[in-house]
Amino acid sequence: MTRPFRQGHSDPTVQPVPASVVEKVDAADTTLHNPQWAVISLGSNLGNRLETLQGAVDALEDTPGVRVKAVSPVYETEPWGVEPGSQPSYFNAVVVLKTTLPPASLLERAHAVEEAFHRVRDERWGPRTLDVDIVAYADVTSDDPRLTLPHPRAHERAFVLAPWHDVDPRAQLPGRGTVAELLSTITRAGVTHRQDLELRLPE
């Protein structure tokens, strides 16, 4: 059964899940004995960043075939690949979920959530209201250009690894090793844990 999407003054309405995706969820429910785990990275550096991240967490939870299991602390991160000070800083977080959606359908849903928050893809490394990236999906590895798994740059990004490690200290990035080991080899410069901010785990 499809649960209604949360609506409110702070969260834009996410469009209903397409019938084709619901059909895939139903098919997956009959073919999978157990749901798969997935790790999603969230980022925002425009507008009310914390509110946007919370809205994204809620929208993921409101997706048929998806259950949010953990939400990381919030980190503040200097933007990558741009002149220092040319963009606002990012708020970043990681969500761990269980899903019966196949990877391609989860990606479709991630894009729908981005679009609900008016994500614009005008330029690489440009500012954006919301980034929703699939970091890993179970133990799947894939070189598909539309969805490379695990995320091809996750192993070098402290703003992904640090919050992921916070919620799952024993986590592993498929094909790369443990998150703890990867995190120990990169710099955390420009990536700050915001202890004054918190995202809610959906009820």
N, C-alpha and C. Protein backbone atom coordinates (compact mmCIF):
# COMPACT_ATOMS: atom_id res chain seq x y z
N MET A 1 0.84 -1.18 0.00
CA MET A 1 0.00 0.00 0.00
C MET A 1 0.88 1.23 0.00
N THR A 2 0.55 2.21 -0.81
CA THR A 2 1.32 3.44 -0.89
C THR A 2 0.87 4.39 0.19
N ARG A 3 1.80 4.82 1.03
CA ARG A 3 1.46 5.78 2.07
C ARG A 3 1.43 7.18 1.49
N PRO A 4 0.56 8.08 2.00
CA PRO A 4 0.53 9.44 1.48
C PRO A 4 1.83 10.15 1.79
N PHE A 5 2.20 11.08 0.92
CA PHE A 5 3.40 11.86 1.15
C PHE A 5 3.11 12.96 2.16
N ARG A 6 4.09 13.21 3.02
CA ARG A 6 3.94 14.31 3.96
C ARG A 6 3.92 15.62 3.19
N GLN A 7 3.06 16.52 3.61
CA GLN A 7 3.02 17.84 3.02
C GLN A 7 3.03 18.86 4.14
N GLY A 8 3.63 19.99 3.90
CA GLY A 8 3.69 21.02 4.93
C GLY A 8 4.24 22.29 4.34
N HIS A 9 4.28 23.33 5.16
CA HIS A 9 4.74 24.61 4.64
C HIS A 9 6.21 24.58 4.27
N SER A 10 6.97 23.66 4.89
CA SER A 10 8.42 23.67 4.66
C SER A 10 8.87 22.69 3.60
N ASP A 11 8.04 21.70 3.31
CA ASP A 11 8.46 20.66 2.38
C ASP A 11 7.65 20.71 1.10
N PRO A 12 8.30 20.85 -0.05
CA PRO A 12 7.53 20.82 -1.30
C PRO A 12 6.94 19.43 -1.49
N THR A 13 5.84 19.39 -2.20
CA THR A 13 5.19 18.11 -2.44
C THR A 13 6.01 17.32 -3.46
N VAL A 14 6.37 16.11 -3.10
CA VAL A 14 7.07 15.23 -4.01
C VAL A 14 6.02 14.52 -4.85
N GLN A 15 6.23 14.49 -6.14
CA GLN A 15 5.25 13.87 -7.02
C GLN A 15 5.08 12.39 -6.68
N PRO A 16 3.87 11.85 -6.90
CA PRO A 16 3.66 10.43 -6.62
C PRO A 16 4.63 9.55 -7.39
N VAL A 17 4.97 8.43 -6.81
CA VAL A 17 5.86 7.48 -7.46
C VAL A 17 5.19 6.97 -8.73
N PRO A 18 5.88 6.98 -9.88
CA PRO A 18 5.27 6.50 -11.13
C PRO A 18 4.80 5.06 -11.01
N ALA A 19 3.73 4.74 -11.72
CA ALA A 19 3.16 3.39 -11.66
C ALA A 19 4.19 2.34 -12.05
N SER A 20 5.08 2.69 -12.99
CA SER A 20 6.09 1.73 -13.43
C SER A 20 7.02 1.35 -12.28
N VAL A 21 7.32 2.32 -11.41
CA VAL A 21 8.19 2.05 -10.26
C VAL A 21 7.46 1.20 -9.24
N VAL A 22 6.18 1.52 -9.00
CA VAL A 22 5.39 0.74 -8.05
C VAL A 22 5.33 -0.72 -8.50
N GLU A 23 5.17 -0.92 -9.82
CA GLU A 23 5.13 -2.29 -10.35
C GLU A 23 6.45 -3.01 -10.07
N LYS A 24 7.56 -2.29 -10.21
CA LYS A 24 8.86 -2.90 -9.94
C LYS A 24 9.00 -3.25 -8.46
N VAL A 25 8.46 -2.38 -7.60
CA VAL A 25 8.50 -2.65 -6.16
C VAL A 25 7.71 -3.92 -5.87
N ASP A 26 6.52 -4.02 -6.46
CA ASP A 26 5.69 -5.21 -6.23
C ASP A 26 6.41 -6.46 -6.71
N ALA A 27 7.06 -6.36 -7.86
CA ALA A 27 7.80 -7.51 -8.40
C ALA A 27 8.95 -7.88 -7.48
N ALA A 28 9.66 -6.86 -6.99
CA ALA A 28 10.79 -7.11 -6.10
C ALA A 28 10.32 -7.76 -4.80
N ASP A 29 9.15 -7.35 -4.32
CA ASP A 29 8.64 -7.92 -3.08
C ASP A 29 8.40 -9.42 -3.20
N THR A 30 8.09 -9.87 -4.41
CA THR A 30 7.81 -11.30 -4.58
C THR A 30 9.06 -12.09 -4.91
N THR A 31 10.12 -11.40 -5.34
CA THR A 31 11.33 -12.13 -5.74
C THR A 31 12.47 -12.01 -4.73
N LEU A 32 12.40 -11.03 -3.85
CA LEU A 32 13.44 -10.87 -2.84
C LEU A 32 12.94 -11.40 -1.50
N HIS A 33 13.73 -12.27 -0.89
CA HIS A 33 13.36 -12.76 0.43
C HIS A 33 13.58 -11.68 1.48
N ASN A 34 14.61 -10.87 1.26
CA ASN A 34 14.93 -9.80 2.20
C ASN A 34 15.26 -8.53 1.43
N PRO A 35 14.90 -7.36 1.99
CA PRO A 35 15.27 -6.12 1.33
C PRO A 35 16.78 -5.92 1.34
N GLN A 36 17.28 -5.09 0.45
CA GLN A 36 18.70 -4.77 0.37
C GLN A 36 18.99 -3.47 1.12
N TRP A 37 20.19 -3.35 1.64
CA TRP A 37 20.56 -2.08 2.26
C TRP A 37 21.17 -1.15 1.21
N ALA A 38 21.01 0.14 1.43
CA ALA A 38 21.61 1.14 0.56
C ALA A 38 22.02 2.33 1.40
N VAL A 39 23.01 3.05 0.92
CA VAL A 39 23.52 4.24 1.60
C VAL A 39 23.35 5.43 0.66
N ILE A 40 22.69 6.47 1.16
CA ILE A 40 22.40 7.66 0.38
C ILE A 40 23.11 8.85 1.01
N SER A 41 23.77 9.65 0.18
CA SER A 41 24.41 10.88 0.63
C SER A 41 23.53 12.07 0.26
N LEU A 42 23.32 12.97 1.21
CA LEU A 42 22.53 14.17 0.98
C LEU A 42 23.39 15.41 1.15
N GLY A 43 23.15 16.42 0.32
CA GLY A 43 23.88 17.68 0.44
C GLY A 43 23.04 18.84 -0.03
N SER A 44 23.22 20.00 0.62
CA SER A 44 22.49 21.21 0.23
C SER A 44 23.33 22.43 0.58
N ASN A 45 23.41 23.40 -0.36
CA ASN A 45 24.09 24.65 0.00
C ASN A 45 23.32 25.89 -0.46
N LEU A 46 22.02 25.72 -0.71
CA LEU A 46 21.16 26.87 -1.03
C LEU A 46 19.89 26.80 -0.19
N GLY A 47 19.36 27.95 0.17
CA GLY A 47 18.11 28.00 0.92
C GLY A 47 18.29 27.53 2.35
N ASN A 48 17.22 27.03 2.92
CA ASN A 48 17.26 26.50 4.29
C ASN A 48 17.82 25.08 4.22
N ARG A 49 19.11 24.97 4.41
CA ARG A 49 19.80 23.70 4.14
C ARG A 49 19.34 22.57 5.05
N LEU A 50 19.18 22.85 6.34
CA LEU A 50 18.77 21.80 7.27
C LEU A 50 17.35 21.33 6.96
N GLU A 51 16.47 22.28 6.69
CA GLU A 51 15.08 21.95 6.35
C GLU A 51 15.03 21.11 5.07
N THR A 52 15.86 21.45 4.13
CA THR A 52 15.89 20.69 2.87
C THR A 52 16.35 19.26 3.11
N LEU A 53 17.41 19.08 3.90
CA LEU A 53 17.88 17.72 4.19
C LEU A 53 16.81 16.92 4.91
N GLN A 54 16.11 17.54 5.87
CA GLN A 54 15.05 16.82 6.58
C GLN A 54 13.92 16.44 5.62
N GLY A 55 13.60 17.35 4.71
CA GLY A 55 12.57 17.05 3.72
C GLY A 55 12.95 15.89 2.84
N ALA A 56 14.24 15.79 2.50
CA ALA A 56 14.71 14.68 1.67
C ALA A 56 14.63 13.37 2.43
N VAL A 57 15.00 13.38 3.70
CA VAL A 57 14.90 12.17 4.53
C VAL A 57 13.44 11.71 4.59
N ASP A 58 12.52 12.64 4.82
CA ASP A 58 11.10 12.30 4.91
C ASP A 58 10.57 11.76 3.59
N ALA A 59 11.02 12.36 2.46
CA ALA A 59 10.56 11.91 1.15
C ALA A 59 11.06 10.50 0.84
N LEU A 60 12.29 10.20 1.25
CA LEU A 60 12.80 8.84 1.05
C LEU A 60 11.97 7.84 1.86
N GLU A 61 11.68 8.18 3.11
CA GLU A 61 10.88 7.29 3.95
C GLU A 61 9.48 7.08 3.37
N ASP A 62 8.95 8.10 2.71
CA ASP A 62 7.60 8.02 2.15
C ASP A 62 7.56 7.32 0.80
N THR A 63 8.64 6.68 0.41
CA THR A 63 8.72 5.96 -0.86
C THR A 63 8.33 4.50 -0.65
N PRO A 64 7.39 4.00 -1.44
CA PRO A 64 7.06 2.57 -1.32
C PRO A 64 8.30 1.71 -1.53
N GLY A 65 8.48 0.72 -0.66
CA GLY A 65 9.63 -0.16 -0.79
C GLY A 65 10.90 0.37 -0.16
N VAL A 66 10.81 1.48 0.59
CA VAL A 66 11.98 2.07 1.25
C VAL A 66 11.68 2.30 2.72
N ARG A 67 12.61 1.93 3.58
CA ARG A 67 12.52 2.23 5.01
C ARG A 67 13.85 2.81 5.46
N VAL A 68 13.81 4.03 5.99
CA VAL A 68 15.01 4.67 6.51
C VAL A 68 15.36 4.06 7.85
N LYS A 69 16.58 3.55 7.99
CA LYS A 69 17.01 2.87 9.21
C LYS A 69 17.91 3.73 10.09
N ALA A 70 18.65 4.66 9.49
CA ALA A 70 19.56 5.50 10.27
C ALA A 70 19.81 6.81 9.53
N VAL A 71 19.93 7.87 10.29
CA VAL A 71 20.26 9.19 9.74
C VAL A 71 21.46 9.72 10.50
N SER A 72 22.47 10.14 9.78
CA SER A 72 23.74 10.56 10.40
C SER A 72 23.65 11.95 11.02
N PRO A 73 24.66 12.33 11.79
CA PRO A 73 24.81 13.72 12.18
C PRO A 73 25.02 14.59 10.94
N VAL A 74 24.84 15.88 11.13
CA VAL A 74 25.01 16.85 10.03
C VAL A 74 26.45 17.37 10.04
N TYR A 75 27.03 17.46 8.85
CA TYR A 75 28.35 18.05 8.69
C TYR A 75 28.26 19.28 7.80
N GLU A 76 29.09 20.26 8.09
CA GLU A 76 29.19 21.45 7.23
C GLU A 76 30.50 21.33 6.43
N THR A 77 30.40 21.55 5.12
CA THR A 77 31.51 21.23 4.22
C THR A 77 31.75 22.38 3.25
N GLU A 78 33.01 22.74 3.08
CA GLU A 78 33.34 23.73 2.05
C GLU A 78 33.12 23.11 0.67
N PRO A 79 32.58 23.87 -0.29
CA PRO A 79 32.30 23.31 -1.63
C PRO A 79 33.57 22.83 -2.32
N TRP A 80 33.41 21.77 -3.11
CA TRP A 80 34.51 21.21 -3.89
C TRP A 80 34.63 21.90 -5.24
N GLY A 81 35.86 22.00 -5.75
CA GLY A 81 36.09 22.34 -7.14
C GLY A 81 35.76 23.77 -7.53
N VAL A 82 35.59 24.66 -6.54
CA VAL A 82 35.26 26.06 -6.85
C VAL A 82 36.17 26.99 -6.05
N GLU A 83 36.18 28.25 -6.47
CA GLU A 83 36.97 29.27 -5.77
C GLU A 83 36.47 29.41 -4.33
N PRO A 84 37.39 29.39 -3.34
CA PRO A 84 36.96 29.54 -1.95
C PRO A 84 36.14 30.81 -1.76
N GLY A 85 35.02 30.66 -1.05
CA GLY A 85 34.16 31.80 -0.78
C GLY A 85 33.18 32.15 -1.88
N SER A 86 33.24 31.43 -3.01
CA SER A 86 32.36 31.75 -4.13
C SER A 86 30.97 31.14 -3.99
N GLN A 87 30.82 30.17 -3.07
CA GLN A 87 29.53 29.53 -2.83
C GLN A 87 29.33 29.36 -1.33
N PRO A 88 28.06 29.26 -0.89
CA PRO A 88 27.81 28.93 0.51
C PRO A 88 28.32 27.53 0.82
N SER A 89 28.58 27.26 2.08
CA SER A 89 29.01 25.93 2.48
C SER A 89 27.83 24.96 2.41
N TYR A 90 28.16 23.67 2.33
CA TYR A 90 27.15 22.62 2.27
C TYR A 90 26.82 22.10 3.66
N PHE A 91 25.58 21.66 3.84
CA PHE A 91 25.24 20.76 4.92
C PHE A 91 25.16 19.37 4.27
N ASN A 92 25.80 18.40 4.89
CA ASN A 92 25.82 17.03 4.36
C ASN A 92 25.37 16.05 5.43
N ALA A 93 24.78 14.96 4.98
CA ALA A 93 24.39 13.87 5.87
C ALA A 93 24.30 12.59 5.06
N VAL A 94 24.24 11.48 5.76
CA VAL A 94 24.12 10.16 5.13
C VAL A 94 22.90 9.45 5.72
N VAL A 95 22.16 8.77 4.84
CA VAL A 95 21.00 7.99 5.25
C VAL A 95 21.27 6.53 4.90
N VAL A 96 21.05 5.65 5.86
CA VAL A 96 21.13 4.20 5.61
C VAL A 96 19.70 3.68 5.55
N LEU A 97 19.39 2.94 4.49
CA LEU A 97 18.02 2.46 4.33
C LEU A 97 17.99 1.02 3.87
N LYS A 98 16.84 0.41 4.04
CA LYS A 98 16.55 -0.91 3.47
C LYS A 98 15.52 -0.71 2.37
N THR A 99 15.68 -1.42 1.26
CA THR A 99 14.78 -1.20 0.14
C THR A 99 14.58 -2.46 -0.69
N THR A 100 13.37 -2.59 -1.25
CA THR A 100 13.11 -3.61 -2.25
C THR A 100 13.17 -3.02 -3.65
N LEU A 101 13.44 -1.71 -3.76
CA LEU A 101 13.62 -1.10 -5.07
C LEU A 101 14.94 -1.57 -5.68
N PRO A 102 14.96 -1.91 -6.95
CA PRO A 102 16.24 -2.16 -7.61
C PRO A 102 17.00 -0.85 -7.75
N PRO A 103 18.32 -0.91 -7.97
CA PRO A 103 19.12 0.32 -8.00
C PRO A 103 18.60 1.38 -8.98
N ALA A 104 18.20 0.98 -10.18
CA ALA A 104 17.75 1.97 -11.17
C ALA A 104 16.51 2.70 -10.70
N SER A 105 15.61 2.01 -10.02
CA SER A 105 14.39 2.65 -9.51
C SER A 105 14.70 3.55 -8.32
N LEU A 106 15.66 3.14 -7.49
CA LEU A 106 16.08 3.99 -6.38
C LEU A 106 16.70 5.28 -6.91
N LEU A 107 17.47 5.18 -7.99
CA LEU A 107 18.04 6.36 -8.62
C LEU A 107 16.94 7.27 -9.16
N GLU A 108 15.93 6.68 -9.79
CA GLU A 108 14.81 7.46 -10.31
C GLU A 108 14.12 8.22 -9.18
N ARG A 109 13.97 7.56 -8.06
CA ARG A 109 13.35 8.21 -6.91
C ARG A 109 14.24 9.32 -6.37
N ALA A 110 15.55 9.09 -6.31
CA ALA A 110 16.48 10.12 -5.83
C ALA A 110 16.37 11.38 -6.69
N HIS A 111 16.28 11.19 -8.01
CA HIS A 111 16.15 12.34 -8.91
C HIS A 111 14.82 13.06 -8.70
N ALA A 112 13.75 12.31 -8.43
CA ALA A 112 12.45 12.92 -8.19
C ALA A 112 12.47 13.78 -6.92
N VAL A 113 13.17 13.30 -5.90
CA VAL A 113 13.29 14.08 -4.67
C VAL A 113 14.09 15.36 -4.93
N GLU A 114 15.19 15.25 -5.67
CA GLU A 114 15.96 16.45 -6.02
C GLU A 114 15.09 17.46 -6.75
N GLU A 115 14.34 16.98 -7.73
CA GLU A 115 13.51 17.90 -8.53
C GLU A 115 12.42 18.56 -7.69
N ALA A 116 11.92 17.86 -6.69
CA ALA A 116 10.91 18.45 -5.81
C ALA A 116 11.46 19.65 -5.05
N PHE A 117 12.77 19.64 -4.83
CA PHE A 117 13.42 20.76 -4.15
C PHE A 117 14.10 21.69 -5.15
N HIS A 118 13.65 21.62 -6.41
CA HIS A 118 14.07 22.55 -7.46
C HIS A 118 15.56 22.47 -7.75
N ARG A 119 16.09 21.25 -7.74
CA ARG A 119 17.48 21.05 -8.12
C ARG A 119 17.67 21.45 -9.59
N VAL A 120 18.71 22.24 -9.86
CA VAL A 120 19.05 22.65 -11.23
C VAL A 120 20.44 22.15 -11.55
N ARG A 121 20.62 21.53 -12.72
CA ARG A 121 21.91 20.96 -13.12
C ARG A 121 22.55 21.81 -14.22
N ASP A 122 22.78 23.08 -13.94
CA ASP A 122 23.32 23.98 -14.97
C ASP A 122 24.83 23.82 -15.13
N GLU A 123 25.54 23.53 -14.06
CA GLU A 123 26.99 23.50 -14.14
C GLU A 123 27.55 22.47 -13.15
N ARG A 124 28.68 21.88 -13.56
CA ARG A 124 29.34 20.95 -12.65
C ARG A 124 29.91 21.73 -11.47
N TRP A 125 29.80 21.15 -10.29
CA TRP A 125 30.23 21.77 -9.05
C TRP A 125 29.44 23.05 -8.72
N GLY A 126 28.33 23.30 -9.44
CA GLY A 126 27.53 24.48 -9.15
C GLY A 126 26.76 24.33 -7.85
N PRO A 127 26.28 25.45 -7.29
CA PRO A 127 25.48 25.36 -6.07
C PRO A 127 24.18 24.63 -6.36
N ARG A 128 23.62 23.98 -5.35
CA ARG A 128 22.37 23.27 -5.56
C ARG A 128 21.57 23.19 -4.27
N THR A 129 20.25 23.22 -4.46
CA THR A 129 19.38 23.12 -3.30
C THR A 129 19.49 21.74 -2.67
N LEU A 130 19.69 20.71 -3.51
CA LEU A 130 19.74 19.36 -2.95
C LEU A 130 20.47 18.40 -3.88
N ASP A 131 21.36 17.62 -3.29
CA ASP A 131 22.02 16.49 -3.93
C ASP A 131 21.55 15.22 -3.24
N VAL A 132 21.11 14.23 -4.00
CA VAL A 132 20.77 12.92 -3.45
C VAL A 132 21.54 11.89 -4.25
N ASP A 133 22.61 11.34 -3.68
CA ASP A 133 23.48 10.40 -4.38
C ASP A 133 23.42 9.03 -3.72
N ILE A 134 23.34 7.99 -4.56
CA ILE A 134 23.45 6.63 -4.05
C ILE A 134 24.94 6.32 -3.89
N VAL A 135 25.37 6.12 -2.66
CA VAL A 135 26.77 5.83 -2.37
C VAL A 135 27.07 4.35 -2.59
N ALA A 136 26.17 3.50 -2.08
CA ALA A 136 26.36 2.05 -2.20
C ALA A 136 25.01 1.37 -2.14
N TYR A 137 24.92 0.23 -2.81
CA TYR A 137 23.70 -0.57 -2.80
C TYR A 137 24.13 -2.02 -2.59
N ALA A 138 23.86 -2.52 -1.36
CA ALA A 138 24.30 -3.87 -0.99
C ALA A 138 25.78 -4.05 -1.36
N ASP A 139 26.12 -5.16 -1.97
CA ASP A 139 27.50 -5.39 -2.40
C ASP A 139 27.65 -5.22 -3.91
N VAL A 140 26.71 -4.52 -4.52
CA VAL A 140 26.69 -4.37 -5.98
C VAL A 140 27.84 -3.48 -6.44
N THR A 141 28.54 -3.94 -7.47
CA THR A 141 29.51 -3.10 -8.17
C THR A 141 29.10 -3.05 -9.63
N SER A 142 29.14 -1.85 -10.20
CA SER A 142 28.67 -1.66 -11.57
C SER A 142 29.37 -0.47 -12.19
N ASP A 143 29.76 -0.61 -13.46
CA ASP A 143 30.38 0.50 -14.19
C ASP A 143 29.39 1.21 -15.11
N ASP A 144 28.11 0.94 -14.92
CA ASP A 144 27.08 1.60 -15.72
C ASP A 144 27.24 3.12 -15.58
N PRO A 145 27.41 3.86 -16.69
CA PRO A 145 27.62 5.30 -16.58
C PRO A 145 26.45 6.05 -15.96
N ARG A 146 25.25 5.48 -16.06
CA ARG A 146 24.08 6.16 -15.47
C ARG A 146 24.08 6.00 -13.95
N LEU A 147 24.54 4.87 -13.47
CA LEU A 147 24.61 4.65 -12.03
C LEU A 147 25.80 3.74 -11.74
N THR A 148 26.94 4.35 -11.45
CA THR A 148 28.13 3.60 -11.09
C THR A 148 28.06 3.26 -9.61
N LEU A 149 28.24 1.99 -9.28
CA LEU A 149 28.18 1.53 -7.90
C LEU A 149 29.45 0.78 -7.52
N PRO A 150 29.99 1.08 -6.32
CA PRO A 150 29.58 2.21 -5.47
C PRO A 150 29.92 3.55 -6.14
N HIS A 151 29.50 4.63 -5.53
CA HIS A 151 29.77 5.96 -6.09
C HIS A 151 31.27 6.11 -6.35
N PRO A 152 31.66 6.54 -7.55
CA PRO A 152 33.08 6.50 -7.92
C PRO A 152 33.99 7.41 -7.12
N ARG A 153 33.44 8.39 -6.40
CA ARG A 153 34.30 9.30 -5.62
C ARG A 153 34.03 9.22 -4.12
N ALA A 154 33.18 8.30 -3.71
CA ALA A 154 32.84 8.22 -2.29
C ALA A 154 34.06 7.94 -1.42
N HIS A 155 34.99 7.14 -1.92
CA HIS A 155 36.14 6.72 -1.10
C HIS A 155 37.09 7.86 -0.77
N GLU A 156 36.94 9.00 -1.48
CA GLU A 156 37.85 10.12 -1.23
C GLU A 156 37.13 11.33 -0.65
N ARG A 157 35.90 11.16 -0.22
CA ARG A 157 35.10 12.29 0.26
C ARG A 157 34.81 12.14 1.76
N ALA A 158 35.44 12.99 2.55
CA ALA A 158 35.22 12.93 4.00
C ALA A 158 33.77 13.28 4.35
N PHE A 159 33.13 14.13 3.53
CA PHE A 159 31.75 14.52 3.86
C PHE A 159 30.76 13.37 3.62
N VAL A 160 31.21 12.31 2.97
CA VAL A 160 30.41 11.08 2.84
C VAL A 160 30.86 10.06 3.89
N LEU A 161 32.17 9.84 3.98
CA LEU A 161 32.69 8.79 4.85
C LEU A 161 32.50 9.10 6.34
N ALA A 162 32.70 10.37 6.74
CA ALA A 162 32.61 10.70 8.17
C ALA A 162 31.20 10.48 8.72
N PRO A 163 30.15 11.01 8.08
CA PRO A 163 28.81 10.73 8.62
C PRO A 163 28.41 9.27 8.50
N TRP A 164 28.85 8.59 7.45
CA TRP A 164 28.55 7.16 7.31
C TRP A 164 29.19 6.38 8.45
N HIS A 165 30.43 6.70 8.76
CA HIS A 165 31.13 6.03 9.86
C HIS A 165 30.44 6.28 11.19
N ASP A 166 29.87 7.48 11.35
CA ASP A 166 29.16 7.81 12.60
C ASP A 166 27.98 6.87 12.84
N VAL A 167 27.25 6.54 11.78
CA VAL A 167 26.06 5.69 11.96
C VAL A 167 26.37 4.20 11.85
N ASP A 168 27.51 3.86 11.24
CA ASP A 168 27.88 2.45 11.09
C ASP A 168 29.40 2.32 11.09
N PRO A 169 30.01 2.27 12.27
CA PRO A 169 31.47 2.24 12.37
C PRO A 169 32.11 1.03 11.68
N ARG A 170 31.35 -0.03 11.44
CA ARG A 170 31.90 -1.22 10.78
C ARG A 170 31.56 -1.29 9.29
N ALA A 171 31.05 -0.20 8.75
CA ALA A 171 30.61 -0.20 7.35
C ALA A 171 31.76 -0.47 6.39
N GLN A 172 31.42 -1.06 5.25
CA GLN A 172 32.39 -1.30 4.19
C GLN A 172 31.89 -0.70 2.89
N LEU A 173 32.78 -0.08 2.15
CA LEU A 173 32.47 0.41 0.82
C LEU A 173 32.87 -0.69 -0.16
N PRO A 174 31.92 -1.29 -0.86
CA PRO A 174 32.24 -2.43 -1.73
C PRO A 174 33.40 -2.16 -2.67
N GLY A 175 34.37 -3.08 -2.65
CA GLY A 175 35.52 -2.97 -3.53
C GLY A 175 36.61 -2.04 -3.05
N ARG A 176 36.35 -1.33 -1.94
CA ARG A 176 37.32 -0.33 -1.45
C ARG A 176 37.83 -0.61 -0.05
N GLY A 177 37.10 -1.38 0.73
CA GLY A 177 37.52 -1.65 2.10
C GLY A 177 36.61 -0.99 3.11
N THR A 178 37.05 -0.97 4.36
CA THR A 178 36.21 -0.42 5.41
C THR A 178 36.18 1.10 5.35
N VAL A 179 35.06 1.64 5.76
CA VAL A 179 34.92 3.10 5.78
C VAL A 179 35.92 3.71 6.76
N ALA A 180 36.14 3.04 7.88
CA ALA A 180 37.08 3.55 8.88
C ALA A 180 38.49 3.68 8.29
N GLU A 181 38.93 2.66 7.56
CA GLU A 181 40.26 2.70 6.96
C GLU A 181 40.35 3.79 5.90
N LEU A 182 39.33 3.89 5.07
CA LEU A 182 39.32 4.91 4.02
C LEU A 182 39.36 6.30 4.64
N LEU A 183 38.60 6.48 5.70
CA LEU A 183 38.54 7.79 6.34
C LEU A 183 39.88 8.18 6.95
N SER A 184 40.63 7.19 7.39
CA SER A 184 41.92 7.47 8.02
C SER A 184 42.98 7.92 7.02
N THR A 185 42.72 7.73 5.73
CA THR A 185 43.72 8.06 4.71
C THR A 185 43.47 9.40 4.03
N ILE A 186 42.36 10.07 4.36
CA ILE A 186 42.05 11.33 3.70
C ILE A 186 41.93 12.45 4.72
N THR A 187 41.99 13.67 4.23
CA THR A 187 41.89 14.82 5.13
C THR A 187 40.42 15.14 5.43
N ARG A 188 40.21 15.63 6.65
CA ARG A 188 38.88 16.11 7.02
C ARG A 188 38.83 17.63 6.99
N ALA A 189 39.85 18.26 6.44
CA ALA A 189 39.89 19.71 6.38
C ALA A 189 38.66 20.23 5.63
N GLY A 190 38.02 21.24 6.22
CA GLY A 190 36.84 21.81 5.58
C GLY A 190 35.57 21.03 5.79
N VAL A 191 35.64 19.97 6.62
CA VAL A 191 34.46 19.14 6.91
C VAL A 191 34.27 19.13 8.42
N THR A 192 33.21 19.80 8.91
CA THR A 192 33.02 20.03 10.34
C THR A 192 31.71 19.43 10.83
N HIS A 193 31.78 18.65 11.89
CA HIS A 193 30.59 18.09 12.52
C HIS A 193 29.83 19.21 13.21
N ARG A 194 28.56 19.43 12.81
CA ARG A 194 27.73 20.46 13.43
C ARG A 194 26.90 19.83 14.55
N GLN A 195 27.45 19.86 15.75
CA GLN A 195 26.79 19.22 16.87
C GLN A 195 25.52 19.95 17.28
N ASP A 196 25.34 21.20 16.81
CA ASP A 196 24.16 21.97 17.15
C ASP A 196 22.98 21.69 16.22
N LEU A 197 23.20 20.84 15.20
CA LEU A 197 22.15 20.56 14.24
C LEU A 197 21.81 19.06 14.28
N GLU A 198 20.56 18.74 13.98
CA GLU A 198 20.15 17.34 14.03
C GLU A 198 19.04 17.08 13.03
N LEU A 199 19.11 15.93 12.39
CA LEU A 199 18.04 15.47 11.53
C LEU A 199 17.25 14.39 12.28
N ARG A 200 15.94 14.39 12.08
CA ARG A 200 15.06 13.43 12.76
C ARG A 200 14.92 12.16 11.93
N LEU A 201 14.95 11.04 12.61
CA LEU A 201 14.62 9.77 11.97
C LEU A 201 13.11 9.73 11.82
N PRO A 202 12.60 9.49 10.60
CA PRO A 202 11.14 9.46 10.41
C PRO A 202 10.46 8.46 11.35
N GLU A 203 9.28 8.79 11.80
CA GLU A 203 8.54 7.92 12.72
C GLU A 203 7.89 6.76 11.94
